[in-house]
């Protein structure tokens, strides 16, 4: 599925960039990656849910 298909289906304007991410597999609890702290904004500031109840 391309970003243009998602834009058309959900009515998302071109001013927004769409990002998709899917992870497969199992977590490794002892992985050094799990120690990274990159900081994040709260989800309501960075995510738009369409046709879904708000937080």
C-alpha atoms as a PDB file:
ATOM      1  CA  UNK A   1       0.000   0.000   0.000  1.00  0.00           C
ATOM      2  CA  UNK A   2       1.400   3.390  -0.920  1.00  0.00           C
ATOM      3  CA  UNK A   3       1.078   6.690   0.916  1.00  0.00           C
ATOM      4  CA  UNK A   4      -1.157   8.023  -1.885  1.00  0.00           C
ATOM      5  CA  UNK A   5      -3.605   5.151  -1.353  1.00  0.00           C
ATOM      6  CA  UNK A   6      -3.733   5.863   2.378  1.00  0.00           C
ATOM      7  CA  UNK A   7      -4.152   9.606   1.770  1.00  0.00           C
ATOM      8  CA  UNK A   8      -7.090   8.992  -0.571  1.00  0.00           C
ATOM      9  CA  UNK A   9      -8.741   6.396   1.686  1.00  0.00           C
ATOM     10  CA  UNK A  10      -8.410   8.411   4.915  1.00  0.00           C
ATOM     11  CA  UNK A  11      -8.633  11.887   3.405  1.00  0.00           C
ATOM     12  CA  UNK A  12      -5.165  12.907   4.625  1.00  0.00           C
ATOM     13  CA  UNK A  13      -3.845  16.092   3.007  1.00  0.00           C
ATOM     14  CA  UNK A  14      -0.440  16.359   1.334  1.00  0.00           C
ATOM     15  CA  UNK A  15       0.830  18.620   4.122  1.00  0.00           C
ATOM     16  CA  UNK A  16       1.335  15.537   6.328  1.00  0.00           C
ATOM     17  CA  UNK A  17       4.049  12.939   5.906  1.00  0.00           C
ATOM     18  CA  UNK A  18       2.920   9.372   6.463  1.00  0.00           C
ATOM     19  CA  UNK A  19       5.155   6.905   8.253  1.00  0.00           C
ATOM     20  CA  UNK A  20       4.574   3.186   8.486  1.00  0.00           C
ATOM     21  CA  UNK A  21       6.383   0.763  10.703  1.00  0.00           C
ATOM     22  CA  UNK A  22       5.853  -2.915  11.306  1.00  0.00           C
ATOM     23  CA  UNK A  23       8.035  -5.138  13.449  1.00  0.00           C
ATOM     24  CA  UNK A  24       8.067  -8.902  13.315  1.00  0.00           C
ATOM     25  CA  UNK A  25       9.735 -11.274  15.736  1.00  0.00           C
ATOM     26  CA  UNK A  26      10.193 -11.490  19.472  1.00  0.00           C
ATOM     27  CA  UNK A  27      11.776  -9.079  21.921  1.00  0.00           C
ATOM     28  CA  UNK A  28      15.237  -9.756  23.305  1.00  0.00           C
ATOM     29  CA  UNK A  29      15.086  -8.513  26.929  1.00  0.00           C
ATOM     30  CA  UNK A  30      18.888  -8.358  27.219  1.00  0.00           C
ATOM     31  CA  UNK A  31      19.447  -6.398  23.984  1.00  0.00           C
ATOM     32  CA  UNK A  32      21.464  -3.150  24.394  1.00  0.00           C
ATOM     33  CA  UNK A  33      18.923  -1.435  22.134  1.00  0.00           C
ATOM     34  CA  UNK A  34      16.423  -1.634  24.975  1.00  0.00           C
ATOM     35  CA  UNK A  35      18.617   0.752  27.005  1.00  0.00           C
ATOM     36  CA  UNK A  36      18.257   3.604  24.493  1.00  0.00           C
ATOM     37  CA  UNK A  37      16.345   6.639  25.712  1.00  0.00           C
ATOM     38  CA  UNK A  38      15.592   8.802  22.687  1.00  0.00           C
ATOM     39  CA  UNK A  39      12.770  10.797  24.255  1.00  0.00           C
ATOM     40  CA  UNK A  40       9.306  11.044  22.810  1.00  0.00           C
ATOM     41  CA  UNK A  41       6.452  13.502  22.703  1.00  0.00           C
ATOM     42  CA  UNK A  42       3.111  12.278  24.049  1.00  0.00           C
ATOM     43  CA  UNK A  43       1.154  10.250  21.480  1.00  0.00           C
ATOM     44  CA  UNK A  44      -1.697  12.782  21.171  1.00  0.00           C
ATOM     45  CA  UNK A  45       0.891  15.332  19.941  1.00  0.00           C
ATOM     46  CA  UNK A  46       2.264  13.093  17.198  1.00  0.00           C
ATOM     47  CA  UNK A  47      -0.477  10.641  16.162  1.00  0.00           C
ATOM     48  CA  UNK A  48      -3.794  11.218  14.415  1.00  0.00           C
ATOM     49  CA  UNK A  49      -6.352   8.412  14.684  1.00  0.00           C
ATOM     50  CA  UNK A  50      -9.148   8.412  12.114  1.00  0.00           C
ATOM     51  CA  UNK A  51     -12.607   7.141  13.052  1.00  0.00           C
ATOM     52  CA  UNK A  52     -11.335   6.088  16.485  1.00  0.00           C
ATOM     53  CA  UNK A  53     -12.321   7.386  19.930  1.00  0.00           C
ATOM     54  CA  UNK A  54      -9.839   9.855  21.367  1.00  0.00           C
ATOM     55  CA  UNK A  55      -7.447   8.877  24.148  1.00  0.00           C
END
